[in-house]
Protein backbone atom coordinates (compact mmCIF):
# COMPACT_ATOMS: atom_id res chain seq x y z
CA UNK A 1 32.86 67.73 121.90
CA UNK A 2 31.96 68.58 117.86
CA UNK A 3 28.23 69.10 118.39
CA UNK A 4 28.26 70.80 121.58
CA UNK A 5 30.49 73.10 119.93
CA UNK A 6 28.16 73.00 116.52
CA UNK A 7 25.03 73.94 119.68
CA UNK A 8 27.34 76.74 120.85
CA UNK A 9 28.15 78.44 117.22
CA UNK A 10 24.12 78.31 116.46
CA UNK A 11 23.41 79.94 119.52
CA UNK A 12 22.62 83.83 119.04
CA UNK A 13 23.81 84.96 122.37
CA UNK A 14 27.19 82.91 123.61
CA UNK A 15 27.94 84.27 127.22
CA UNK A 16 30.82 83.87 129.24
CA UNK A 17 29.18 81.14 130.64
CA UNK A 18 28.73 78.76 127.81
CA UNK A 19 32.24 79.50 126.15
CA UNK A 20 33.76 78.36 129.61
CA UNK A 21 31.90 75.31 129.42
CA UNK A 22 33.30 74.45 126.17
CA UNK A 23 36.59 75.30 126.56
CA UNK A 24 36.02 72.81 129.91
CA UNK A 25 34.82 70.14 127.55
CA UNK A 26 38.13 70.05 125.44
CA UNK A 27 40.11 70.38 128.08
CA UNK A 28 38.44 67.34 129.79
CA UNK A 29 39.05 65.37 126.71
CA UNK A 30 43.00 66.08 126.62
CA UNK A 31 42.87 68.56 124.35
CA UNK A 32 44.60 72.18 125.46
CA UNK A 33 45.33 73.47 121.78
CA UNK A 34 41.83 73.55 120.88
CA UNK A 35 41.18 74.90 124.25
CA UNK A 36 43.66 77.72 123.94
CA UNK A 37 42.14 78.52 119.70
CA UNK A 38 38.76 78.87 121.49
CA UNK A 39 39.43 80.78 124.14
CA UNK A 40 41.33 83.39 121.51
CA UNK A 41 37.55 83.12 119.74
CA UNK A 42 35.81 83.97 122.62
CA UNK A 43 38.14 86.91 123.19
CA UNK A 44 37.21 87.75 119.25
CA UNK A 45 33.65 87.70 119.98
CA UNK A 46 34.59 90.26 122.74
CA UNK A 47 33.41 88.29 125.84
CA UNK A 48 35.13 88.42 128.71
CA UNK A 49 36.41 85.75 130.56
CA UNK A 50 35.90 85.32 134.01
CA UNK A 51 37.98 84.00 137.04
CA UNK A 52 36.91 79.94 135.69
CA UNK A 53 37.39 80.75 132.46
CA UNK A 54 41.38 81.66 133.37
CA UNK A 55 41.73 78.60 134.85
CA UNK A 56 40.60 76.23 132.28
CA UNK A 57 43.36 78.12 130.07
CA UNK A 58 46.06 78.29 132.26
CA UNK A 59 45.69 74.51 132.64
CA UNK A 60 45.62 73.93 128.97
CA UNK A 61 48.78 76.19 128.72
CA UNK A 62 50.25 74.22 131.28
CA UNK A 63 49.88 71.00 129.49
CA UNK A 64 51.41 72.76 126.52
CA UNK A 65 54.08 73.25 128.71
CA UNK A 66 54.22 77.26 126.86
CA UNK A 67 55.63 79.33 129.09
CA UNK A 68 54.96 82.18 126.86
CA UNK A 69 51.69 81.59 126.26
CA UNK A 70 51.21 81.66 130.06
CA UNK A 71 53.02 84.79 130.36
CA UNK A 72 50.30 86.86 127.86
CA UNK A 73 47.41 84.83 129.66
CA UNK A 74 48.62 86.93 133.00
CA UNK A 75 49.11 89.73 131.50
CA UNK A 76 45.07 89.05 130.84
CA UNK A 77 44.67 88.23 134.20
CA UNK A 78 46.48 91.28 135.83
CA UNK A 79 44.66 93.71 133.29
CA UNK A 80 41.58 92.62 134.61
CA UNK A 81 42.50 92.58 138.17
CA UNK A 82 41.96 88.94 138.92
CA UNK A 83 45.79 87.84 140.13
CA UNK A 84 45.17 87.95 143.41
CA UNK A 85 41.86 85.62 143.00
CA UNK A 86 42.71 82.46 144.52
CA UNK A 87 41.72 80.21 142.18
CA UNK A 88 43.18 82.20 139.44
CA UNK A 89 46.35 82.68 141.49
CA UNK A 90 46.63 78.95 142.50
CA UNK A 91 46.88 78.10 138.56
CA UNK A 92 49.52 80.49 137.70
CA UNK A 93 51.83 79.30 140.18
CA UNK A 94 50.83 75.60 139.29
CA UNK A 95 51.29 76.72 135.18
CA UNK A 96 55.07 78.57 136.04
CA UNK A 97 56.19 75.83 138.41
CA UNK A 98 55.39 72.92 135.67
CA UNK A 99 56.99 75.06 133.00
CA UNK A 100 60.10 75.84 135.18
CA UNK A 101 59.71 79.65 136.15
CA UNK A 102 60.13 79.48 139.46
CA UNK A 103 60.85 82.95 140.33
CA UNK A 104 57.78 84.28 138.72
CA UNK A 105 55.77 81.10 140.51
CA UNK A 106 56.92 82.37 143.72
CA UNK A 107 56.24 86.40 142.52
CA UNK A 108 52.44 85.04 142.28
CA UNK A 109 52.67 83.18 145.48
CA UNK A 110 54.02 86.03 147.55
CA UNK A 111 50.86 88.06 146.01
CA UNK A 112 48.15 85.95 147.06
CA UNK A 113 45.92 87.43 149.82
CA UNK A 114 45.74 83.79 151.19
CA UNK A 115 47.97 80.91 150.52
CA UNK A 116 45.71 77.95 150.47
CA UNK A 117 47.02 74.38 151.05
CA UNK A 118 46.68 73.96 146.92
CA UNK A 119 49.45 77.21 146.34
CA UNK A 120 51.34 75.85 148.72
CA UNK A 121 51.53 72.88 147.53
CA UNK A 122 51.99 74.38 143.72
CA UNK A 123 55.46 75.74 145.15
CA UNK A 124 56.95 72.37 146.83
CA UNK A 125 55.98 70.47 143.57
CA UNK A 126 57.47 72.75 141.46
CA UNK A 127 60.76 73.13 143.05
CA UNK A 128 60.74 69.14 143.47
CA UNK A 129 60.43 68.66 139.99
CA UNK A 130 63.18 70.69 139.52
CA UNK A 131 65.68 69.30 142.02
CA UNK A 132 65.37 72.06 144.35
CA UNK A 133 64.74 69.58 146.83
CA UNK A 134 65.93 71.41 150.03
CA UNK A 135 63.85 74.50 149.14
CA UNK A 136 61.22 72.45 148.85
CA UNK A 137 61.79 70.81 152.14
CA UNK A 138 62.11 74.72 153.58
CA UNK A 139 58.76 75.35 152.13
CA UNK A 140 56.91 73.03 153.37
CA UNK A 141 58.26 73.33 157.39
CA UNK A 142 57.23 76.43 156.53
CA UNK A 143 53.94 75.92 155.85
CA UNK A 144 53.78 74.13 158.94
CA UNK A 145 54.79 77.14 161.06
CA UNK A 146 51.65 79.15 159.23
CA UNK A 147 49.03 76.52 160.33
CA UNK A 148 47.94 75.63 156.70
CA UNK A 149 47.32 71.82 157.09
CA UNK A 150 49.06 70.08 153.79
CA UNK A 151 46.93 67.50 151.94
CA UNK A 152 47.83 64.01 150.59
CA UNK A 153 49.55 65.57 147.58
CA UNK A 154 51.88 67.82 150.13
CA UNK A 155 53.26 65.16 151.54
CA UNK A 156 53.82 63.21 148.32
CA UNK A 157 56.17 65.75 147.09
CA UNK A 158 57.73 66.65 150.57
CA UNK A 159 58.65 62.95 151.21
CA UNK A 160 60.21 63.08 147.40
CA UNK A 161 62.14 65.75 148.13
CA UNK A 162 63.51 64.33 151.10
CA UNK A 163 64.40 61.25 148.80
CA UNK A 164 66.49 63.81 146.44
CA UNK A 165 68.89 64.77 149.09
CA UNK A 166 68.63 61.25 150.99
CA UNK A 167 67.41 63.29 154.20
CA UNK A 168 66.45 60.21 156.34
CA UNK A 169 66.07 62.46 159.25
CA UNK A 170 63.54 64.94 157.49
CA UNK A 171 61.37 62.09 155.66
CA UNK A 172 60.98 60.21 159.31
CA UNK A 173 59.74 63.36 160.50
CA UNK A 174 57.54 63.72 157.97
CA UNK A 175 56.55 60.40 157.40
CA UNK A 176 55.27 60.51 161.70
CA UNK A 177 53.47 63.31 160.43
CA UNK A 178 51.54 60.87 157.27
CA UNK A 179 50.81 58.84 160.37
CA UNK A 180 49.54 61.72 162.50
CA UNK A 181 46.89 63.31 159.58
CA UNK A 182 45.75 59.80 158.44
CA UNK A 183 47.10 59.27 155.00
CA UNK A 184 48.86 56.32 155.74
CA UNK A 185 46.28 54.59 153.85
CA UNK A 186 46.43 56.37 150.73
CA UNK A 187 48.58 54.69 148.13
CA UNK A 188 50.29 57.66 146.70
CA UNK A 189 51.64 59.04 149.76
CA UNK A 190 52.30 55.24 150.45
CA UNK A 191 54.75 54.55 147.54
CA UNK A 192 56.27 57.79 148.62
CA UNK A 193 57.62 56.78 151.81
CA UNK A 194 58.70 53.59 150.13
CA UNK A 195 60.84 55.87 148.04
CA UNK A 196 61.94 57.83 150.52
CA UNK A 197 63.52 55.28 152.56
CA UNK A 198 64.91 53.20 149.57
CA UNK A 199 66.59 56.41 148.20
CA UNK A 200 68.09 57.13 152.19
CA UNK A 201 69.20 53.39 152.31
CA UNK A 202 66.96 52.20 154.76
CA UNK A 203 65.27 49.31 153.50
CA UNK A 204 64.17 47.56 156.59
CA UNK A 205 61.97 50.87 157.32
CA UNK A 206 61.13 50.71 153.68
CA UNK A 207 59.69 46.80 153.86
CA UNK A 208 58.09 47.89 157.20
CA UNK A 209 55.92 50.82 155.16
CA UNK A 210 54.56 48.89 152.25
CA UNK A 211 53.65 45.92 154.74
CA UNK A 212 51.39 48.73 156.49
CA UNK A 213 50.16 49.76 153.84
CA UNK A 214 46.24 48.73 153.63
CA UNK A 215 46.13 49.03 149.64
CA UNK A 216 49.50 48.67 147.53
CA UNK A 217 49.25 49.38 143.44
CA UNK A 218 51.59 47.85 141.25
CA UNK A 219 53.63 51.19 141.80
CA UNK A 220 54.39 49.98 145.54
CA UNK A 221 55.31 46.26 144.64
CA UNK A 222 58.16 47.89 141.37
CA UNK A 223 59.02 50.30 144.16
CA UNK A 224 60.25 47.65 146.38
CA UNK A 225 61.41 45.61 144.05
CA UNK A 226 64.19 48.13 142.36
CA UNK A 227 64.59 49.45 146.01
CA UNK A 228 66.14 46.06 146.95
CA UNK A 229 68.00 46.20 143.75
CA UNK A 230 69.53 49.43 144.57
CA UNK A 231 71.10 48.11 147.20
CA UNK A 232 72.08 44.94 145.84
CA UNK A 233 69.74 42.76 147.76
CA UNK A 234 68.99 40.35 144.96
CA UNK A 235 67.86 37.72 146.69
CA UNK A 236 65.06 39.64 148.97
CA UNK A 237 64.08 41.44 145.25
CA UNK A 238 62.98 38.00 144.07
CA UNK A 239 61.79 37.01 146.76
CA UNK A 240 59.33 39.42 146.80
CA UNK A 241 59.15 39.32 142.87
CA UNK A 242 57.51 35.61 143.77
CA UNK A 243 55.37 36.95 146.12
CA UNK A 244 53.93 39.79 144.06
CA UNK A 245 53.03 36.49 141.37
CA UNK A 246 51.43 34.49 144.27
CA UNK A 247 49.31 37.56 145.23
CA UNK A 248 48.08 37.88 141.62
CA UNK A 249 49.39 41.07 140.75
CA UNK A 250 50.22 40.76 137.14
CA UNK A 251 53.94 42.33 136.61
CA UNK A 252 54.64 44.90 134.01
CA UNK A 253 57.57 45.88 131.78
CA UNK A 254 59.21 47.41 135.10
CA UNK A 255 58.71 44.77 137.04
CA UNK A 256 60.72 42.38 134.74
CA UNK A 257 63.26 44.87 134.12
CA UNK A 258 64.09 44.83 138.38
CA UNK A 259 63.61 40.95 138.19
CA UNK A 260 65.66 40.47 135.39
CA UNK A 261 68.59 42.87 136.79
CA UNK A 262 68.22 40.86 139.74
CA UNK A 263 69.10 37.47 137.73
CA UNK A 264 72.19 39.31 136.28
CA UNK A 265 73.83 40.44 139.51
CA UNK A 266 73.15 37.64 140.95
CA UNK A 267 74.36 35.16 137.78
CA UNK A 268 71.26 32.91 138.24
CA UNK A 269 70.66 31.17 135.59
CA UNK A 270 67.80 29.12 136.87
CA UNK A 271 65.84 31.73 137.80
CA UNK A 272 66.42 33.88 134.61
CA UNK A 273 65.19 31.14 132.56
CA UNK A 274 61.84 31.43 134.80
CA UNK A 275 61.76 34.44 134.69
CA UNK A 276 62.06 34.01 130.86
CA UNK A 277 58.61 31.33 130.47
CA UNK A 278 57.34 33.80 132.77
CA UNK A 279 57.51 36.85 130.66
CA UNK A 280 56.38 34.86 127.36
CA UNK A 281 53.48 33.76 129.22
CA UNK A 282 52.72 37.02 130.29
CA UNK A 283 51.42 39.20 127.52
CA UNK A 284 53.98 41.49 128.22
CA UNK A 285 55.34 42.95 124.74
CA UNK A 286 58.72 41.80 124.23
CA UNK A 287 60.22 45.24 122.96
CA UNK A 288 63.88 45.86 122.85
CA UNK A 289 64.27 47.46 126.32
CA UNK A 290 62.77 44.07 127.33
CA UNK A 291 64.46 42.17 125.12
CA UNK A 292 68.38 43.25 125.88
CA UNK A 293 67.56 43.03 129.53
CA UNK A 294 66.70 39.08 129.23
CA UNK A 295 70.30 39.28 126.32
CA UNK A 296 72.55 41.06 129.03
CA UNK A 297 70.61 38.28 131.62
CA UNK A 298 71.57 35.35 129.79
CA UNK A 299 75.06 36.50 128.74
CA UNK A 300 75.74 37.56 132.62
CA UNK A 301 74.60 33.87 133.65
CA UNK A 302 76.96 32.13 130.64
CA UNK A 303 74.35 31.51 128.42
CA UNK A 304 75.10 33.33 125.28
CA UNK A 305 72.79 30.45 123.10
CA UNK A 306 69.76 32.15 124.88
CA UNK A 307 70.64 35.10 124.55
CA UNK A 308 70.96 34.35 120.51
CA UNK A 309 67.73 32.97 120.83
CA UNK A 310 65.75 35.89 122.14
CA UNK A 311 67.92 38.29 119.57
CA UNK A 312 66.53 35.84 116.83
CA UNK A 313 62.74 36.79 117.62
CA UNK A 314 63.20 40.37 118.83
CA UNK A 315 61.50 41.88 115.54
CA UNK A 316 63.23 45.42 116.23
CA UNK A 317 66.69 45.53 117.56
CA UNK A 318 68.31 48.68 118.73
CA UNK A 319 72.04 49.52 119.03
CA UNK A 320 71.50 48.17 122.23
CA UNK A 321 70.51 45.00 121.59
CA UNK A 322 73.42 44.50 119.17
CA UNK A 323 75.84 45.89 121.45
CA UNK A 324 74.30 43.01 123.96
CA UNK A 325 74.85 40.38 122.11
CA UNK A 326 78.41 41.13 120.54
CA UNK A 327 79.54 42.06 123.84
CA UNK A 328 78.24 38.44 125.36
CA UNK A 329 80.53 36.87 122.48
CA UNK A 330 83.41 38.72 123.51
CA UNK A 331 83.19 37.58 126.96
CA UNK A 332 82.40 34.47 126.05
CA UNK A 333 85.38 33.93 123.94
CA UNK A 334 84.13 34.31 120.67
CA UNK A 335 85.49 37.82 119.39
CA UNK A 336 85.43 36.18 115.76
CA UNK A 337 81.61 35.80 115.94
CA UNK A 338 81.09 39.74 117.38
CA UNK A 339 83.39 41.09 114.41
CA UNK A 340 80.72 39.23 112.12
CA UNK A 341 77.94 40.79 114.09
CA UNK A 342 79.41 43.82 113.56
CA UNK A 343 79.43 43.68 109.93
CA UNK A 344 75.99 42.55 109.99
CA UNK A 345 74.73 45.38 112.12
CA UNK A 346 76.46 48.17 109.77
CA UNK A 347 74.82 46.28 106.91
CA UNK A 348 71.34 46.88 108.73
CA UNK A 349 71.91 50.46 109.09
CA UNK A 350 72.07 50.44 112.70
CA UNK A 351 74.82 53.43 113.72
CA UNK A 352 77.56 51.82 116.62
CA UNK A 353 77.87 53.93 119.98
CA UNK A 354 80.45 54.21 122.34
CA UNK A 355 79.57 50.87 123.84
CA UNK A 356 79.63 49.15 120.21
CA UNK A 357 83.11 50.39 119.66
CA UNK A 358 84.51 49.19 122.68
CA UNK A 359 83.31 45.58 122.55
CA UNK A 360 84.61 45.08 118.92
CA UNK A 361 87.99 46.75 119.91
CA UNK A 362 88.36 43.96 122.38
CA UNK A 363 87.36 41.37 119.53
CA UNK A 364 90.18 42.66 117.44
CA UNK A 365 92.70 42.91 120.05
CA UNK A 366 91.63 39.39 121.20
CA UNK A 367 92.06 38.19 117.48
CA UNK A 368 95.33 40.46 116.85
CA UNK A 369 93.06 41.78 113.60
CA UNK A 370 94.87 44.84 112.51
CA UNK A 371 93.20 45.67 109.82
CA UNK A 372 89.69 45.20 111.18
CA UNK A 373 91.27 47.40 114.35
CA UNK A 374 92.18 50.00 112.14
CA UNK A 375 88.45 50.43 110.03
CA UNK A 376 87.15 50.68 113.60
CA UNK A 377 89.47 53.65 114.43
CA UNK A 378 88.33 54.95 111.24
CA UNK A 379 84.53 54.56 112.37
CA UNK A 380 85.37 56.24 115.56
CA UNK A 381 86.67 59.32 113.85
CA UNK A 382 83.81 59.68 111.72
CA UNK A 383 81.17 59.02 114.41
CA UNK A 384 83.43 61.72 115.99
CA UNK A 385 84.46 60.19 119.01
CA UNK A 386 87.92 59.82 118.62
CA UNK A 387 88.26 62.14 121.65
CA UNK A 388 86.38 59.80 123.90
CA UNK A 389 89.19 58.93 126.73
CA UNK A 390 87.39 55.71 127.29
CA UNK A 391 87.71 54.79 123.26
CA UNK A 392 91.12 56.04 123.12
CA UNK A 393 92.37 53.42 125.74
CA UNK A 394 90.59 51.01 124.23
CA UNK A 395 92.71 51.85 120.65
CA UNK A 396 95.59 52.01 122.57
CA UNK A 397 95.04 48.56 123.60
CA UNK A 398 94.07 47.19 120.64
CA UNK A 399 96.99 48.83 118.48
CA UNK A 400 99.38 47.88 121.17
CA UNK A 401 98.03 43.81 121.31
CA UNK A 402 97.51 43.96 117.66
CA UNK A 403 101.81 44.80 116.94
CA UNK A 404 101.60 47.73 115.90
CA UNK A 405 102.67 49.99 118.54
CA UNK A 406 103.51 53.07 117.04
CA UNK A 407 100.13 53.50 116.36
CA UNK A 408 99.46 52.72 119.79
CA UNK A 409 101.89 55.95 121.10
CA UNK A 410 100.06 57.51 118.25
CA UNK A 411 96.93 57.59 119.72
CA UNK A 412 98.05 57.51 123.13
CA UNK A 413 99.66 60.91 122.74
CA UNK A 414 96.45 62.71 120.88
CA UNK A 415 94.26 61.58 123.97
CA UNK A 416 93.07 64.29 125.68
CA UNK A 417 93.23 62.85 128.89
CA UNK A 418 95.55 59.78 129.55
CA UNK A 419 93.60 57.07 132.32
CA UNK A 420 95.43 54.15 133.65
CA UNK A 421 93.63 51.92 131.22
CA UNK A 422 95.66 53.74 128.53
CA UNK A 423 98.87 53.37 130.42
CA UNK A 424 98.72 50.02 131.51
CA UNK A 425 98.02 48.97 127.72
CA UNK A 426 101.13 50.38 126.56
CA UNK A 427 102.87 48.68 129.28
CA UNK A 428 101.90 45.35 128.08
CA UNK A 429 102.59 46.50 124.53
CA UNK A 430 106.42 47.33 125.70
CA UNK A 431 106.27 43.94 127.57
CA UNK A 432 105.28 42.01 124.73
CA UNK A 433 107.81 44.06 122.41
CA UNK A 434 110.82 43.00 124.92
CA UNK A 435 111.45 46.96 124.94
CA UNK A 436 112.97 47.84 128.24
CA UNK A 437 113.59 51.38 127.82
CA UNK A 438 110.28 52.29 126.85
CA UNK A 439 108.82 50.49 129.74
CA UNK A 440 111.05 52.05 132.25
CA UNK A 441 109.82 55.59 130.53
CA UNK A 442 105.88 54.87 130.87
CA UNK A 443 106.45 53.48 134.22
CA UNK A 444 108.13 56.59 134.79
CA UNK A 445 105.31 58.59 133.27
CA UNK A 446 102.93 56.99 135.47
CA UNK A 447 104.14 58.29 138.59
CA UNK A 448 105.22 62.26 137.40
CA UNK A 449 101.67 62.23 136.19
CA UNK A 450 100.43 61.39 139.65
CA UNK A 451 98.39 58.72 138.18
CA UNK A 452 96.27 56.71 140.97
CA UNK A 453 97.19 53.36 140.54
CA UNK A 454 95.14 50.86 141.34
CA UNK A 455 95.97 46.53 142.07
CA UNK A 456 95.04 46.10 138.30
CA UNK A 457 97.58 48.46 137.38
CA UNK A 458 100.43 46.78 139.79
CA UNK A 459 99.92 43.50 138.72
CA UNK A 460 99.97 44.36 134.56
CA UNK A 461 103.57 46.08 135.74
CA UNK A 462 105.06 43.20 137.27
CA UNK A 463 103.62 41.10 134.38
CA UNK A 464 105.52 42.99 132.21
CA UNK A 465 108.36 43.78 133.96
CA UNK A 466 108.74 39.73 134.46
CA UNK A 467 108.15 39.32 131.18
CA UNK A 468 111.22 41.67 130.10
CA UNK A 469 113.19 40.03 133.35
CA UNK A 470 113.55 43.62 135.02
CA UNK A 471 114.58 42.06 138.04
CA UNK A 472 115.64 45.62 140.11
CA UNK A 473 112.90 47.58 138.79
CA UNK A 474 110.25 44.65 140.03
CA UNK A 475 111.57 44.68 143.34
CA UNK A 476 112.00 48.72 143.66
CA UNK A 477 108.09 48.60 142.30
CA UNK A 478 107.26 45.89 145.11
CA UNK A 479 109.18 48.11 147.95
CA UNK A 480 107.59 51.28 146.93
CA UNK A 481 104.04 49.75 147.02
CA UNK A 482 104.09 48.26 150.36
CA UNK A 483 106.42 50.97 152.07
CA UNK A 484 105.44 54.51 150.15
CA UNK A 485 102.14 53.87 148.65
CA UNK A 486 100.80 51.44 151.38
CA UNK A 487 99.33 48.79 149.27
CA UNK A 488 98.07 45.24 150.45
CA UNK A 489 99.48 43.23 148.50
CA UNK A 490 97.83 40.01 146.72
CA UNK A 491 98.79 36.87 145.99
CA UNK A 492 99.05 37.81 142.16
CA UNK A 493 101.65 40.22 143.04
CA UNK A 494 103.63 37.87 145.04
CA UNK A 495 103.69 35.39 142.63
CA UNK A 496 104.77 37.93 139.60
CA UNK A 497 107.72 38.75 141.94
CA UNK A 498 108.45 35.33 142.47
CA UNK A 499 108.31 34.97 138.75
CA UNK A 500 110.24 37.85 138.15
CA UNK A 501 113.11 36.45 140.68
CA UNK A 502 113.21 32.93 139.14
CA UNK A 503 113.40 34.33 135.53
CA UNK A 504 116.37 36.03 136.61
CA UNK A 505 118.20 32.92 138.12
CA UNK A 506 117.73 34.00 141.33
CA UNK A 507 116.34 31.25 142.92
CA UNK A 508 117.53 31.12 146.90
CA UNK A 509 115.62 34.48 146.81
CA UNK A 510 112.40 33.68 145.19
CA UNK A 511 112.86 30.38 147.57
CA UNK A 512 113.38 32.97 150.48
CA UNK A 513 110.48 35.08 149.45
CA UNK A 514 107.77 32.37 148.89
CA UNK A 515 108.22 31.34 152.78
CA UNK A 516 108.06 34.58 153.93
CA UNK A 517 104.80 35.55 152.49
CA UNK A 518 101.76 36.58 154.36
CA UNK A 519 99.78 33.44 153.42
CA UNK A 520 99.61 30.43 152.23
CA UNK A 521 101.39 29.63 149.26
CA UNK A 522 99.66 27.44 146.37
CA UNK A 523 101.19 24.87 144.12
CA UNK A 524 101.18 26.81 141.13
CA UNK A 525 104.14 29.57 142.74
CA UNK A 526 106.25 26.73 143.52
CA UNK A 527 106.14 25.21 140.08
CA UNK A 528 106.79 29.07 138.61
CA UNK A 529 110.10 28.05 140.63
CA UNK A 530 110.72 24.55 139.82
CA UNK A 531 110.45 25.51 136.15
CA UNK A 532 113.38 28.27 136.77
CA UNK A 533 115.31 25.68 138.60
CA UNK A 534 115.49 23.20 135.22
CA UNK A 535 116.65 26.24 133.42
CA UNK A 536 119.36 27.00 136.15
CA UNK A 537 120.31 22.85 136.49
CA UNK A 538 120.02 23.75 140.02
CA UNK A 539 118.96 20.51 141.48
CA UNK A 540 119.35 21.04 145.00
CA UNK A 541 116.82 23.72 145.15
CA UNK A 542 114.36 21.61 142.67
CA UNK A 543 114.35 18.40 145.21
CA UNK A 544 113.44 21.28 147.89
CA UNK A 545 110.61 22.29 145.91
CA UNK A 546 109.12 19.58 145.08
CA UNK A 547 108.71 18.74 148.63
CA UNK A 548 106.93 21.44 148.82
CA UNK A 549 104.75 20.88 146.01
CA UNK A 550 104.10 17.48 147.83
CA UNK A 551 103.52 18.45 151.32
CA UNK A 552 100.60 20.89 149.74
CA UNK A 553 98.96 18.10 148.26
CA UNK A 554 99.00 16.04 151.40
CA UNK A 555 97.33 18.84 152.76
CA UNK A 556 95.07 19.43 150.47
CA UNK A 557 93.62 15.78 150.57
CA UNK A 558 93.61 15.98 154.18
CA UNK A 559 91.64 18.54 154.09
CA UNK A 560 89.00 17.20 151.47
CA UNK A 561 88.82 14.21 153.30
CA UNK A 562 87.82 16.09 156.43
CA UNK A 563 85.46 17.64 154.31
CA UNK A 564 83.71 14.82 153.22
CA UNK A 565 83.60 12.94 156.24
CA UNK A 566 81.62 16.19 157.71
C-alpha cells in the first residue's frame, strides 16, 4: 500500500477514481484510521468524493465506532445530495446501527426511495445487536409483508432476536422459512438455528437441526455442547465432545471450557483427568482462563492435589486462579493452607476480589482466627467493599464463630441490607454463647423483617434452640412451620426437635415424636434419645430405644442381603 500511495503522490492529476482505489486498499488491509486520514487529504486537494468514496469512508468510520465522525461524514453526504443513494444510504444505516444510534439509522432508512434487502437487514441487525429483539422481529415480519426477500444475514439476525427473547414460536416460523428459501446448508444460518432452539430450551430440535447441517464448523459443535450444558445435560455434552474428537474436529479453548464445566457439574474425575491429558496434547495454550477452569474442575471433583499441580505450571496467575485454589482448600478442610495462599497472593501484588474475601473469611471462621479475620476486614474496607451484603454476612459469620459476638453485631447493624445468611450467622453465634435472650430477639427480628426463611434457616434455628435447651420456643417454631408457613419438614428438622425434647428431659415426648415421624427414623435419631436416657437415668425408655435400634439394624441387614442376592 505504501507503493500505491507513492505512485498516487507522483501523479500530476489525481482524480476521484484514483483516491477511492487508494482508500479502498487501506480499508481492505484493516487500516480504517489511515483511510479516514487520506479522505481528509482528498478533500484538501479539492477532489469531489463519489458515492463509492463515501461508502468506503463510512465503513472506516464504522470500524472505528466513531459516531461523531460518522455524523460529520453524513453532513457531507447530505450537502452533496447523496443521502438517498441506495449504496450510501445503506452504509449510513449500517454505521449508525453499529455505533448505537438507532434513531438516526431509522431516519436514514425511512428516507431511502427503495428499501432493499441490505438496508432492511442492517436495521434488523442493529436492533438485535443492541438487545431490542422484539423491534428487530417486528421489522423482520414487516420486511416479509413488503415482499423483500431476506438473505442469510437477515435470517441469522432474526433467529438471534428470537433467541434473545426465547420466542420458540417465532423461531420455528423463521426456521421454516430458512428451509423453504434453501438456506439450511449455510453454516452461519444453521448455527443461528441451533442457538435459537438451545436458547428456547428445545435441545432435541437443536440436535435435529445440527444433524441436518450439510457442513458443520467448530462453532456448530461448540453451540451444541454449550447448549447441553446450559440445560444441565452434562452426559450429552461429553458424548458430543467425544464424537467431535472422533470426527477429527479439533477443539478450541471454548470447547475445552465447556467440557471442563461438564466434568465439574457431574463431578466425573476420570473424565476430567482424560480431558486434562487431551488439553496437554492438543497444543492449546494453557492460559489463566483455561487453567482456572481446569483447577475448578479438579476442586469440584475432589482432587485438590491435581488443582495445585495445574496452579504450579501456570506461567501467569490472576485473582481467579488464586481464589479457585484457596476456595478449594477451604472446601476440602484445609483452611490454614487457604490463608497461607492468601498471604502469598498479596505478596505477589494480586488484588483480592469479592470471591477471594468470601473464601478467606470462611477459612478464618473455620479456624477461629480472629486476628486474621480482623486484618481481612481491614482489607475489605480498603477495597471499598464494606457495603457488600454478601461480604457483610460473611463477616458476621466469621466474627460470631471466632467468639466476637459484639463485632458480629456491629457489622450486622451497619449492613445496608440484611439477608438470611447474616441472620443465620447471628443465630449460630448466640447459640454458641448460650445467649437465650439474644437468640429469642434475633428470631423475633427475622419474622418482623418478613424474611423469606428457607429450610437451612429453620435448621440453623432448631440447632441453636437445641444447643440452648429452649424447648418451648423450638416446639412453637415447629408448629409455626407446619401450620403457618406450610413447610415440608425434612428429617434434619425432626432430628433437631427430638434432640431438643431429649435434652430437656421430655423423653416420652421424644419417643412419641419419633414414632409419629412421616418417614422411617434412622438409628442416629434413636441414639440421640438413648444419650439423654443416660443423663436422666430413665432405664425403661433406654431399654425400649435399644430394642428399636436393634430392630433397625436387623432390617438393614436383611435388605442388604436381599440386595446382594439379587
